[in-house]
PDB file of N, CA and C in Angstrom:
ATOM      1  N   MET A   1      10.299-144.525  24.309  1.00  0.00           N
ATOM      2  CA  MET A   1       9.980-143.649  23.209  1.00  0.00           C
ATOM      3  C   MET A   1       9.378-144.482  22.091  1.00  0.00           C
ATOM      4  N   ASP A   2       8.300-144.006  21.534  1.00  0.00           N
ATOM      5  CA  ASP A   2       7.672-144.655  20.386  1.00  0.00           C
ATOM      6  C   ASP A   2       7.946-143.841  19.130  1.00  0.00           C
ATOM      7  N   VAL A   3       8.260-144.539  18.056  1.00  0.00           N
ATOM      8  CA  VAL A   3       8.446-143.921  16.754  1.00  0.00           C
ATOM      9  C   VAL A   3       7.333-144.444  15.863  1.00  0.00           C
ATOM     10  N   ILE A   4       6.533-143.540  15.319  1.00  0.00           N
ATOM     11  CA  ILE A   4       5.412-143.916  14.459  1.00  0.00           C
ATOM     12  C   ILE A   4       5.783-143.639  13.013  1.00  0.00           C
ATOM     13  N   ILE A   5       5.619-144.667  12.171  1.00  0.00           N
ATOM     14  CA  ILE A   5       5.902-144.527  10.750  1.00  0.00           C
ATOM     15  C   ILE A   5       4.645-144.914   9.977  1.00  0.00           C
ATOM     16  N   PRO A   6       3.914-143.922   9.447  1.00  0.00           N
ATOM     17  CA  PRO A   6       2.788-144.257   8.575  1.00  0.00           C
ATOM     18  C   PRO A   6       3.335-144.662   7.211  1.00  0.00           C
ATOM     19  N   ALA A   7       2.770-145.688   6.618  1.00  0.00           N
ATOM     20  CA  ALA A   7       3.315-146.184   5.350  1.00  0.00           C
ATOM     21  C   ALA A   7       2.198-146.523   4.371  1.00  0.00           C
ATOM     22  N   TYR A   8       2.253-145.911   3.215  1.00  0.00           N
ATOM     23  CA  TYR A   8       1.330-146.229   2.135  1.00  0.00           C
ATOM     24  C   TYR A   8       2.150-146.437   0.864  1.00  0.00           C
ATOM     25  N   ASN A   9       2.175-147.663   0.379  1.00  0.00           N
ATOM     26  CA  ASN A   9       2.943-148.034  -0.825  1.00  0.00           C
ATOM     27  C   ASN A   9       4.395-147.573  -0.727  1.00  0.00           C
ATOM     28  N   GLU A  10       5.051-148.022   0.325  1.00  0.00           N
ATOM     29  CA  GLU A  10       6.437-147.639   0.604  1.00  0.00           C
ATOM     30  C   GLU A  10       7.400-148.813   0.451  1.00  0.00           C
ATOM     31  N   GLU A  11       7.064-149.781  -0.388  1.00  0.00           N
ATOM     32  CA  GLU A  11       7.886-150.985  -0.471  1.00  0.00           C
ATOM     33  C   GLU A  11       9.341-150.702  -0.815  1.00  0.00           C
ATOM     34  N   SER A  12       9.612-149.635  -1.537  1.00  0.00           N
ATOM     35  CA  SER A  12      10.994-149.381  -1.959  1.00  0.00           C
ATOM     36  C   SER A  12      11.868-148.843  -0.830  1.00  0.00           C
ATOM     37  N   GLY A  13      11.281-148.277   0.229  1.00  0.00           N
ATOM     38  CA  GLY A  13      12.121-147.702   1.264  1.00  0.00           C
ATOM     39  C   GLY A  13      11.767-148.035   2.691  1.00  0.00           C
ATOM     40  N   ILE A  14      10.704-148.808   2.904  1.00  0.00           N
ATOM     41  CA  ILE A  14      10.238-149.038   4.269  1.00  0.00           C
ATOM     42  C   ILE A  14      11.231-149.840   5.104  1.00  0.00           C
ATOM     43  N   VAL A  15      11.864-150.826   4.524  1.00  0.00           N
ATOM     44  CA  VAL A  15      12.829-151.633   5.279  1.00  0.00           C
ATOM     45  C   VAL A  15      14.017-150.779   5.699  1.00  0.00           C
ATOM     46  N   GLN A  16      14.501-149.956   4.802  1.00  0.00           N
ATOM     47  CA  GLN A  16      15.632-149.080   5.127  1.00  0.00           C
ATOM     48  C   GLN A  16      15.245-148.092   6.230  1.00  0.00           C
ATOM     49  N   SER A  17      14.039-147.569   6.171  1.00  0.00           N
ATOM     50  CA  SER A  17      13.583-146.635   7.200  1.00  0.00           C
ATOM     51  C   SER A  17      13.505-147.303   8.568  1.00  0.00           C
ATOM     52  N   VAL A  18      12.902-148.465   8.618  1.00  0.00           N
ATOM     53  CA  VAL A  18      12.773-149.189   9.886  1.00  0.00           C
ATOM     54  C   VAL A  18      14.143-149.575  10.420  1.00  0.00           C
ATOM     55  N   HIS A  19      14.999-150.067   9.555  1.00  0.00           N
ATOM     56  CA  HIS A  19      16.339-150.477   9.983  1.00  0.00           C
ATOM     57  C   HIS A  19      17.125-149.286  10.535  1.00  0.00           C
ATOM     58  N   SER A  20      16.989-148.144   9.901  1.00  0.00           N
ATOM     59  CA  SER A  20      17.674-146.941  10.359  1.00  0.00           C
ATOM     60  C   SER A  20      17.221-146.544  11.764  1.00  0.00           C
ATOM     61  N   VAL A  21      15.930-146.610  12.010  1.00  0.00           N
ATOM     62  CA  VAL A  21      15.416-146.281  13.341  1.00  0.00           C
ATOM     63  C   VAL A  21      15.903-147.306  14.360  1.00  0.00           C
ATOM     64  N   ARG A  22      15.937-148.567  13.981  1.00  0.00           N
ATOM     65  CA  ARG A  22      16.389-149.616  14.906  1.00  0.00           C
ATOM     66  C   ARG A  22      17.856-149.456  15.272  1.00  0.00           C
ATOM     67  N   LEU A  23      18.653-148.901  14.369  1.00  0.00           N
ATOM     68  CA  LEU A  23      20.077-148.702  14.650  1.00  0.00           C
ATOM     69  C   LEU A  23      20.337-147.543  15.605  1.00  0.00           C
ATOM     70  N   ASN A  24      19.345-146.692  15.799  1.00  0.00           N
ATOM     71  CA  ASN A  24      19.481-145.582  16.723  1.00  0.00           C
ATOM     72  C   ASN A  24      19.754-146.124  18.117  1.00  0.00           C
ATOM     73  N   THR A  25      20.612-145.472  18.862  1.00  0.00           N
ATOM     74  CA  THR A  25      21.024-145.981  20.172  1.00  0.00           C
ATOM     75  C   THR A  25      20.128-145.512  21.315  1.00  0.00           C
ATOM     76  N   TYR A  26      19.043-144.816  20.996  1.00  0.00           N
ATOM     77  CA  TYR A  26      18.129-144.387  22.046  1.00  0.00           C
ATOM     78  C   TYR A  26      17.563-145.617  22.750  1.00  0.00           C
ATOM     79  N   PRO A  27      17.637-145.666  24.085  1.00  0.00           N
ATOM     80  CA  PRO A  27      17.157-146.863  24.793  1.00  0.00           C
ATOM     81  C   PRO A  27      15.633-146.941  24.860  1.00  0.00           C
ATOM     82  N   HIS A  28      15.140-148.139  24.996  1.00  0.00           N
ATOM     83  CA  HIS A  28      13.713-148.405  25.228  1.00  0.00           C
ATOM     84  C   HIS A  28      12.814-147.793  24.158  1.00  0.00           C
ATOM     85  N   LYS A  29      13.128-148.052  22.920  1.00  0.00           N
ATOM     86  CA  LYS A  29      12.284-147.515  21.848  1.00  0.00           C
ATOM     87  C   LYS A  29      11.406-148.622  21.283  1.00  0.00           C
ATOM     88  N   ARG A  30      10.299-148.199  20.717  1.00  0.00           N
ATOM     89  CA  ARG A  30       9.381-149.108  20.051  1.00  0.00           C
ATOM     90  C   ARG A  30       8.997-148.443  18.735  1.00  0.00           C
ATOM     91  N   ILE A  31       8.971-149.226  17.682  1.00  0.00           N
ATOM     92  CA  ILE A  31       8.666-148.708  16.354  1.00  0.00           C
ATOM     93  C   ILE A  31       7.302-149.230  15.946  1.00  0.00           C
ATOM     94  N   LEU A  32       6.399-148.298  15.648  1.00  0.00           N
ATOM     95  CA  LEU A  32       5.057-148.663  15.211  1.00  0.00           C
ATOM     96  C   LEU A  32       4.919-148.246  13.753  1.00  0.00           C
ATOM     97  N   VAL A  33       4.817-149.225  12.882  1.00  0.00           N
ATOM     98  CA  VAL A  33       4.611-148.940  11.468  1.00  0.00           C
ATOM     99  C   VAL A  33       3.156-149.243  11.150  1.00  0.00           C
ATOM    100  N   VAL A  34       2.462-148.237  10.626  1.00  0.00           N
ATOM    101  CA  VAL A  34       1.060-148.402  10.265  1.00  0.00           C
ATOM    102  C   VAL A  34       0.981-148.523   8.751  1.00  0.00           C
ATOM    103  N   ASN A  35       0.679-149.733   8.297  1.00  0.00           N
ATOM    104  CA  ASN A  35       0.472-149.946   6.874  1.00  0.00           C
ATOM    105  C   ASN A  35      -0.937-149.476   6.543  1.00  0.00           C
ATOM    106  N   ASP A  36      -1.009-148.390   5.786  1.00  0.00           N
ATOM    107  CA  ASP A  36      -2.280-147.729   5.529  1.00  0.00           C
ATOM    108  C   ASP A  36      -2.916-148.215   4.227  1.00  0.00           C
ATOM    109  N   GLY A  37      -3.201-149.519   4.165  1.00  0.00           N
ATOM    110  CA  GLY A  37      -3.880-150.089   3.006  1.00  0.00           C
ATOM    111  C   GLY A  37      -3.034-150.132   1.746  1.00  0.00           C
ATOM    112  N   SER A  38      -1.763-150.354   1.898  1.00  0.00           N
ATOM    113  CA  SER A  38      -0.876-150.398   0.732  1.00  0.00           C
ATOM    114  C   SER A  38      -1.307-151.469  -0.259  1.00  0.00           C
ATOM    115  N   SER A  39      -1.154-151.155  -1.546  1.00  0.00           N
ATOM    116  CA  SER A  39      -1.487-152.128  -2.590  1.00  0.00           C
ATOM    117  C   SER A  39      -0.226-152.763  -3.177  1.00  0.00           C
ATOM    118  N   ASP A  40       0.923-152.404  -2.633  1.00  0.00           N
ATOM    119  CA  ASP A  40       2.176-153.005  -3.086  1.00  0.00           C
ATOM    120  C   ASP A  40       2.650-154.016  -2.031  1.00  0.00           C
ATOM    121  N   ARG A  41       3.931-154.270  -1.944  1.00  0.00           N
ATOM    122  CA  ARG A  41       4.462-155.285  -1.024  1.00  0.00           C
ATOM    123  C   ARG A  41       4.971-154.708   0.296  1.00  0.00           C
ATOM    124  N   THR A  42       4.493-153.542   0.679  1.00  0.00           N
ATOM    125  CA  THR A  42       4.940-152.921   1.929  1.00  0.00           C
ATOM    126  C   THR A  42       4.729-153.855   3.117  1.00  0.00           C
ATOM    127  N   LEU A  43       3.542-154.387   3.263  1.00  0.00           N
ATOM    128  CA  LEU A  43       3.222-155.236   4.410  1.00  0.00           C
ATOM    129  C   LEU A  43       4.060-156.505   4.424  1.00  0.00           C
ATOM    130  N   SER A  44       4.211-157.155   3.294  1.00  0.00           N
ATOM    131  CA  SER A  44       4.994-158.398   3.263  1.00  0.00           C
ATOM    132  C   SER A  44       6.462-158.124   3.570  1.00  0.00           C
ATOM    133  N   LYS A  45       6.998-157.005   3.114  1.00  0.00           N
ATOM    134  CA  LYS A  45       8.393-156.666   3.418  1.00  0.00           C
ATOM    135  C   LYS A  45       8.572-156.389   4.905  1.00  0.00           C
ATOM    136  N   LEU A  46       7.607-155.722   5.514  1.00  0.00           N
ATOM    137  CA  LEU A  46       7.682-155.471   6.951  1.00  0.00           C
ATOM    138  C   LEU A  46       7.633-156.773   7.746  1.00  0.00           C
ATOM    139  N   ARG A  47       6.720-157.656   7.383  1.00  0.00           N
ATOM    140  CA  ARG A  47       6.608-158.944   8.089  1.00  0.00           C
ATOM    141  C   ARG A  47       7.867-159.782   7.926  1.00  0.00           C
ATOM    142  N   TYR A  48       8.430-159.776   6.732  1.00  0.00           N
ATOM    143  CA  TYR A  48       9.672-160.515   6.494  1.00  0.00           C
ATOM    144  C   TYR A  48      10.806-159.948   7.346  1.00  0.00           C
ATOM    145  N   TYR A  49      10.923-158.638   7.379  1.00  0.00           N
ATOM    146  CA  TYR A  49      11.969-157.986   8.175  1.00  0.00           C
ATOM    147  C   TYR A  49      11.816-158.349   9.653  1.00  0.00           C
ATOM    148  N   LYS A  50      10.602-158.288  10.162  1.00  0.00           N
ATOM    149  CA  LYS A  50      10.350-158.599  11.572  1.00  0.00           C
ATOM    150  C   LYS A  50      10.770-160.023  11.915  1.00  0.00           C
ATOM    151  N   ARG A  51      10.446-160.977  11.023  1.00  0.00           N
ATOM    152  CA  ARG A  51      10.845-162.377  11.247  1.00  0.00           C
ATOM    153  C   ARG A  51      12.350-162.546  11.131  1.00  0.00           C
ATOM    154  N   LYS A  52      12.937-162.022  10.082  1.00  0.00           N
ATOM    155  CA  LYS A  52      14.359-162.222   9.800  1.00  0.00           C
ATOM    156  C   LYS A  52      15.242-161.677  10.917  1.00  0.00           C
ATOM    157  N   TYR A  53      14.926-160.489  11.414  1.00  0.00           N
ATOM    158  CA  TYR A  53      15.768-159.846  12.422  1.00  0.00           C
ATOM    159  C   TYR A  53      15.228-159.998  13.838  1.00  0.00           C
ATOM    160  N   LYS A  54      14.180-160.824  13.985  1.00  0.00           N
ATOM    161  CA  LYS A  54      13.572-161.035  15.306  1.00  0.00           C
ATOM    162  C   LYS A  54      13.360-159.687  16.000  1.00  0.00           C
ATOM    163  N   ALA A  55      12.716-158.781  15.283  1.00  0.00           N
ATOM    164  CA  ALA A  55      12.530-157.391  15.711  1.00  0.00           C
ATOM    165  C   ALA A  55      11.360-157.272  16.675  1.00  0.00           C
ATOM    166  N   ASP A  56      11.606-157.579  17.935  1.00  0.00           N
ATOM    167  CA  ASP A  56      10.562-157.487  18.951  1.00  0.00           C
ATOM    168  C   ASP A  56      10.156-156.048  19.241  1.00  0.00           C
ATOM    169  N   ASP A  57      11.003-155.096  18.851  1.00  0.00           N
ATOM    170  CA  ASP A  57      10.699-153.691  19.066  1.00  0.00           C
ATOM    171  C   ASP A  57       9.865-153.092  17.933  1.00  0.00           C
ATOM    172  N   LEU A  58       9.487-153.931  16.963  1.00  0.00           N
ATOM    173  CA  LEU A  58       8.718-153.485  15.806  1.00  0.00           C
ATOM    174  C   LEU A  58       7.286-153.999  15.899  1.00  0.00           C
ATOM    175  N   LEU A  59       6.341-153.082  15.890  1.00  0.00           N
ATOM    176  CA  LEU A  59       4.924-153.427  15.880  1.00  0.00           C
ATOM    177  C   LEU A  59       4.353-152.987  14.543  1.00  0.00           C
ATOM    178  N   ILE A  60       3.719-153.911  13.846  1.00  0.00           N
ATOM    179  CA  ILE A  60       3.125-153.616  12.543  1.00  0.00           C
ATOM    180  C   ILE A  60       1.613-153.573  12.709  1.00  0.00           C
ATOM    181  N   ILE A  61       1.034-152.443  12.332  1.00  0.00           N
ATOM    182  CA  ILE A  61      -0.408-152.265  12.374  1.00  0.00           C
ATOM    183  C   ILE A  61      -0.893-152.199  10.935  1.00  0.00           C
ATOM    184  N   ASN A  62      -1.841-153.034  10.588  1.00  0.00           N
ATOM    185  CA  ASN A  62      -2.373-153.051   9.231  1.00  0.00           C
ATOM    186  C   ASN A  62      -3.806-152.538   9.262  1.00  0.00           C
ATOM    187  N   GLN A  63      -4.099-151.558   8.425  1.00  0.00           N
ATOM    188  CA  GLN A  63      -5.443-150.991   8.388  1.00  0.00           C
ATOM    189  C   GLN A  63      -5.840-150.687   6.949  1.00  0.00           C
ATOM    190  N   GLN A  64      -7.131-150.493   6.741  1.00  0.00           N
ATOM    191  CA  GLN A  64      -7.601-150.035   5.437  1.00  0.00           C
ATOM    192  C   GLN A  64      -7.124-148.607   5.238  1.00  0.00           C
ATOM    193  N   ASN A  65      -6.976-148.207   3.988  1.00  0.00           N
ATOM    194  CA  ASN A  65      -6.496-146.870   3.688  1.00  0.00           C
ATOM    195  C   ASN A  65      -7.432-145.816   4.263  1.00  0.00           C
ATOM    196  N   GLY A  66      -6.842-144.944   5.072  1.00  0.00           N
ATOM    197  CA  GLY A  66      -7.617-143.871   5.677  1.00  0.00           C
ATOM    198  C   GLY A  66      -6.869-142.560   5.688  1.00  0.00           C
ATOM    199  N   GLY A  67      -5.641-142.575   5.173  1.00  0.00           N
ATOM    200  CA  GLY A  67      -4.840-141.364   5.138  1.00  0.00           C
ATOM    201  C   GLY A  67      -3.825-141.316   6.265  1.00  0.00           C
ATOM    202  N   LYS A  68      -2.858-140.432   6.092  1.00  0.00           N
ATOM    203  CA  LYS A  68      -1.749-140.322   7.029  1.00  0.00           C
ATOM    204  C   LYS A  68      -2.206-139.981   8.445  1.00  0.00           C
ATOM    205  N   ALA A  69      -3.102-139.008   8.583  1.00  0.00           N
ATOM    206  CA  ALA A  69      -3.558-138.614   9.916  1.00  0.00           C
ATOM    207  C   ALA A  69      -4.250-139.759  10.627  1.00  0.00           C
ATOM    208  N   HIS A  70      -5.084-140.497   9.905  1.00  0.00           N
ATOM    209  CA  HIS A  70      -5.774-141.648  10.498  1.00  0.00           C
ATOM    210  C   HIS A  70      -4.773-142.721  10.930  1.00  0.00           C
ATOM    211  N   ALA A  71      -3.745-142.932  10.118  1.00  0.00           N
ATOM    212  CA  ALA A  71      -2.720-143.922  10.458  1.00  0.00           C
ATOM    213  C   ALA A  71      -1.984-143.533  11.743  1.00  0.00           C
ATOM    214  N   ILE A  72      -1.613-142.279  11.839  1.00  0.00           N
ATOM    215  CA  ILE A  72      -0.907-141.814  13.050  1.00  0.00           C
ATOM    216  C   ILE A  72      -1.828-141.913  14.265  1.00  0.00           C
ATOM    217  N   ASN A  73      -3.069-141.491  14.121  1.00  0.00           N
ATOM    218  CA  ASN A  73      -4.014-141.579  15.241  1.00  0.00           C
ATOM    219  C   ASN A  73      -4.244-143.022  15.663  1.00  0.00           C
ATOM    220  N   ASN A  74      -4.289-143.924  14.719  1.00  0.00           N
ATOM    221  CA  ASN A  74      -4.477-145.339  15.028  1.00  0.00           C
ATOM    222  C   ASN A  74      -3.286-145.872  15.830  1.00  0.00           C
ATOM    223  N   ALA A  75      -2.096-145.425  15.511  1.00  0.00           N
ATOM    224  CA  ALA A  75      -0.918-145.858  16.245  1.00  0.00           C
ATOM    225  C   ALA A  75      -0.919-145.317  17.669  1.00  0.00           C
ATOM    226  N   LEU A  76      -1.416-144.104  17.812  1.00  0.00           N
ATOM    227  CA  LEU A  76      -1.451-143.508  19.166  1.00  0.00           C
ATOM    228  C   LEU A  76      -2.442-144.245  20.041  1.00  0.00           C
TER     229      LEU A  76
END
């Protein structure tokens, strides 16, 4: 199962969101977070989280801002 999280300037809650999904007991999940051109620290917080927790189930996609629909389509 893949979980797609589009993120635009979500530095205040993105780590909590990702961590919450990772705690879910559903087997064989992959989390795709699409950073949609954030101008805050969303991307750096995601990268730090991935390194700190060795989150192999977390894929971070970084793109220029294109909107939520574009972010979801890019993840698909």
